[in-house]
Protein backbone atom coordinates (compact mmCIF):
# COMPACT_ATOMS: atom_id res chain seq x y z
CA UNK A 1 70.05 12.16 40.94
CA UNK A 2 69.69 11.86 37.16
CA UNK A 3 69.28 8.56 35.35
CA UNK A 4 71.00 8.03 32.02
CA UNK A 5 68.27 5.81 30.59
CA UNK A 6 64.48 5.60 30.67
CA UNK A 7 62.78 3.12 32.99
CA UNK A 8 61.33 2.47 36.43
CA UNK A 9 63.74 2.61 39.36
CA UNK A 10 63.38 1.73 43.02
CA UNK A 11 64.64 4.31 45.52
CA UNK A 12 65.26 3.53 49.18
CA UNK A 13 65.80 6.25 51.77
CA UNK A 14 67.19 5.46 55.20
CA UNK A 15 67.17 7.72 58.26
CA UNK A 16 69.25 6.98 61.33
CA UNK A 17 69.28 8.69 64.72
CA UNK A 18 72.20 9.29 67.09
CA UNK A 19 71.50 6.00 68.89
CA UNK A 20 71.85 4.00 65.71
CA UNK A 21 68.15 3.30 65.27
CA UNK A 22 67.06 3.47 61.65
CA UNK A 23 64.02 3.35 59.42
CA UNK A 24 63.62 2.95 55.68
CA UNK A 25 61.10 4.00 53.06
CA UNK A 26 61.02 2.71 49.49
CA UNK A 27 59.28 4.06 46.39
CA UNK A 28 59.42 3.62 42.63
CA UNK A 29 60.08 6.45 40.18
CA UNK A 30 59.87 6.54 36.40
CA UNK A 31 62.58 8.22 34.31
CA UNK A 32 61.43 9.41 30.90
CA UNK A 33 62.84 11.29 27.95
CA UNK A 34 60.55 14.28 28.56
CA UNK A 35 62.02 17.77 28.35
CA UNK A 36 60.01 19.57 31.03
CA UNK A 37 61.21 20.21 34.57
CA UNK A 38 59.85 17.60 36.98
CA UNK A 39 59.57 17.16 40.74
CA UNK A 40 57.78 15.32 43.52
CA UNK A 41 54.97 16.49 45.82
CA UNK A 42 54.37 14.78 49.15
CA UNK A 43 50.96 14.78 50.82
CA UNK A 44 51.92 14.82 54.49
CA UNK A 45 48.32 14.01 55.49
CA UNK A 46 48.01 10.77 53.50
CA UNK A 47 51.71 9.98 52.90
CA UNK A 48 50.98 9.77 49.16
CA UNK A 49 53.58 11.12 46.76
CA UNK A 50 53.00 12.50 43.28
CA UNK A 51 55.19 13.22 40.30
CA UNK A 52 54.95 16.87 39.22
CA UNK A 53 55.66 18.63 35.95
CA UNK A 54 56.24 22.26 34.97
CA UNK A 55 54.46 23.36 31.82
CA UNK A 56 54.91 27.00 30.92
CA UNK A 57 54.72 28.84 34.23
CA UNK A 58 52.46 26.26 35.89
CA UNK A 59 53.36 23.28 38.06
CA UNK A 60 50.90 20.36 37.70
CA UNK A 61 50.55 16.90 39.16
CA UNK A 62 51.82 14.39 36.60
CA UNK A 63 49.23 11.86 37.79
CA UNK A 64 45.66 11.86 39.02
CA UNK A 65 44.77 12.46 42.66
CA UNK A 66 44.60 9.29 44.78
CA UNK A 67 43.49 10.72 48.15
CA UNK A 68 41.54 8.17 50.20
CA UNK A 69 38.79 10.58 51.27
CA UNK A 70 35.71 10.19 49.07
CA UNK A 71 37.61 8.12 46.50
CA UNK A 72 35.81 5.70 44.20
CA UNK A 73 37.35 3.25 41.75
CA UNK A 74 35.99 2.40 38.31
CA UNK A 75 33.62 -0.58 38.67
CA UNK A 76 34.61 -0.69 42.35
CA UNK A 77 37.92 -2.28 41.39
CA UNK A 78 40.94 -1.02 43.40
CA UNK A 79 43.22 -2.09 40.54
CA UNK A 80 41.74 0.72 38.45
CA UNK A 81 42.66 3.25 41.13
CA UNK A 82 46.24 1.97 41.08
CA UNK A 83 46.44 2.67 37.35
CA UNK A 84 44.23 5.73 36.94
CA UNK A 85 44.00 7.33 40.37
CA UNK A 86 40.70 7.84 42.14
CA UNK A 87 37.42 9.31 40.98
CA UNK A 88 35.77 11.96 43.12
CA UNK A 89 32.59 13.98 43.28
CA UNK A 90 32.98 17.74 43.07
CA UNK A 91 31.78 18.01 46.67
CA UNK A 92 34.46 15.56 47.83
CA UNK A 93 37.41 17.17 46.07
CA UNK A 94 36.40 20.62 47.29
CA UNK A 95 36.31 19.33 50.90
CA UNK A 96 33.18 21.31 51.68
CA UNK A 97 34.33 24.59 50.11
CA UNK A 98 32.79 26.41 47.15
CA UNK A 99 35.67 28.88 46.78
CA UNK A 100 37.53 28.82 43.47
CA UNK A 101 41.16 27.61 43.71
CA UNK A 102 40.57 26.09 47.13
CA UNK A 103 43.06 23.51 48.40
CA UNK A 104 40.37 20.85 48.71
CA UNK A 105 41.96 17.39 48.85
CA UNK A 106 45.25 18.59 47.38
CA UNK A 107 48.44 18.59 49.49
CA UNK A 108 49.55 21.73 51.31
CA UNK A 109 50.83 24.28 48.79
CA UNK A 110 48.60 22.95 45.98
CA UNK A 111 44.97 23.50 45.01
CA UNK A 112 42.16 22.39 42.70
CA UNK A 113 42.67 24.29 39.42
CA UNK A 114 40.09 26.78 38.21
CA UNK A 115 38.60 26.94 34.72
CA UNK A 116 41.01 29.79 33.95
CA UNK A 117 44.06 27.76 35.07
CA UNK A 118 43.09 24.79 32.90
CA UNK A 119 42.52 27.19 30.01
CA UNK A 120 46.04 28.59 30.49
CA UNK A 121 47.40 25.06 30.06
CA UNK A 122 45.37 24.46 26.89
CA UNK A 123 46.38 27.83 25.47
CA UNK A 124 50.05 26.96 26.01
CA UNK A 125 49.79 24.18 23.43
CA UNK A 126 46.78 25.38 21.48
CA UNK A 127 43.51 23.51 21.92
CA UNK A 128 43.97 21.41 18.76
CA UNK A 129 47.29 20.08 20.09
CA UNK A 130 46.55 19.83 23.82
CA UNK A 131 45.10 16.32 23.91
CA UNK A 132 48.08 14.78 22.12
CA UNK A 133 50.60 16.80 24.14
CA UNK A 134 49.05 15.84 27.47
CA UNK A 135 48.58 12.13 26.76
CA UNK A 136 50.67 9.51 28.51
CA UNK A 137 53.79 8.88 26.44
CA UNK A 138 54.08 12.43 25.09
CA UNK A 139 57.17 14.56 25.69
CA UNK A 140 55.39 16.69 28.33
CA UNK A 141 55.16 13.87 30.94
CA UNK A 142 51.68 15.09 31.94
CA UNK A 143 50.65 11.41 31.64
CA UNK A 144 46.98 11.90 30.85
CA UNK A 145 45.03 8.67 30.43
CA UNK A 146 41.34 7.90 29.88
CA UNK A 147 39.83 6.37 33.03
CA UNK A 148 36.20 7.08 32.13
CA UNK A 149 33.68 8.41 34.63
CA UNK A 150 31.17 7.32 37.25
CA UNK A 151 27.79 8.88 36.51
CA UNK A 152 25.18 10.16 38.93
CA UNK A 153 23.56 6.72 39.05
CA UNK A 154 26.85 5.19 40.19
CA UNK A 155 27.51 3.47 36.84
CA UNK A 156 31.08 3.26 35.58
CA UNK A 157 31.36 4.06 31.88
CA UNK A 158 33.67 4.98 29.00
CA UNK A 159 36.97 3.59 30.37
CA UNK A 160 39.70 3.95 27.75
CA UNK A 161 37.64 6.54 25.89
CA UNK A 162 37.27 9.72 27.97
CA UNK A 163 38.75 11.68 30.83
CA UNK A 164 36.90 14.39 32.76
CA UNK A 165 38.89 16.71 35.00
CA UNK A 166 37.07 18.66 37.69
CA UNK A 167 37.82 22.34 38.16
CA UNK A 168 37.25 24.32 41.36
CA UNK A 169 34.92 26.69 39.49
CA UNK A 170 31.30 26.27 40.50
CA UNK A 171 28.67 26.08 37.80
CA UNK A 172 25.06 27.14 38.07
CA UNK A 173 22.78 25.38 40.52
CA UNK A 174 24.29 22.17 41.85
CA UNK A 175 26.84 21.85 39.08
CA UNK A 176 30.61 22.19 38.85
CA UNK A 177 32.69 22.87 35.74
CA UNK A 178 34.87 20.16 34.25
CA UNK A 179 36.95 19.71 31.11
CA UNK A 180 36.51 16.56 29.06
CA UNK A 181 38.74 14.97 26.42
CA UNK A 182 38.27 11.86 24.30
CA UNK A 183 40.90 9.42 23.10
CA UNK A 184 39.83 9.73 19.44
CA UNK A 185 39.13 13.46 19.15
CA UNK A 186 41.22 16.63 19.53
CA UNK A 187 38.39 18.80 20.84
CA UNK A 188 38.22 19.87 24.48
CA UNK A 189 34.76 20.15 25.99
CA UNK A 190 33.91 22.39 28.93
CA UNK A 191 31.05 20.71 30.79
CA UNK A 192 28.75 21.78 33.60
CA UNK A 193 28.18 18.53 35.51
CA UNK A 194 26.20 17.59 38.57
CA UNK A 195 28.41 17.62 41.65
CA UNK A 196 27.75 13.91 42.27
CA UNK A 197 29.46 12.84 39.05
CA UNK A 198 32.79 11.21 39.91
CA UNK A 199 35.71 12.34 37.79
CA UNK A 200 39.49 12.58 37.82
CA UNK A 201 41.37 15.38 39.56
CA UNK A 202 44.74 17.07 39.04
CA UNK A 203 46.26 19.55 41.47
CA UNK A 204 48.16 22.72 40.55
CA UNK A 205 50.77 24.50 42.64
CA UNK A 206 49.86 27.72 44.47
C-alpha cells in the first residue's frame, strides 16, 4: 500500500482460521517524502519490527536496535529507549562473538555492520555530506538522531549532541570500533572504544 500524503498511520492485520477464530495485530508506520526504497524487518525472536531503507546497494535499519537483551536506556529512562532505541555494550550486541559481520542481536538475515560497510555508506554521500544526509528529516529516511552515550562508569552523557554507532570490527585489546557523529559538526570520527561503553546499533542486511 502507498500513502498519498506524509504522516503516521495505524495498520491492523487480522488472521482467521477455517473455524472462524481470529487474531489481530496493530502497528504504526510513518510515510515520508523520502526517495529511497523502504521496507520492514521483523525480528521473530523478540517480535520487534524495524523500518528499513536501501541506500546505494546496502539495506540498513532506519532506526536504532531495540532488542531487550543487554539494553540500557539513557539515564535509565525507558522513554529514551522509545525515542532513540537502546544502548548496548559491544559485548552485548555481538552476542558473545568476535567475528566481523556476525549476526549478534540483529534479526535473522541481518548483521552488525563492519567498519568497511559503514565506510561504504559514508563514501556513497561523501564524508562531508553524510551527517546531514543521514539525519532524521533528510530525504534518505535513515533517521539518525543523537541519543548520546553511556560511558564505562555508567554515566549517561551528551544526549542531543552525539551518536556513536558500534561496528562488528574488533579493535586492539578490549576495544571495539565505532563511528561517532556530532549534531554541530560534519566530521565523522572512527573511535576505538572500550567494549563496556554503551552505544547505538544499526543492522545491515546480509
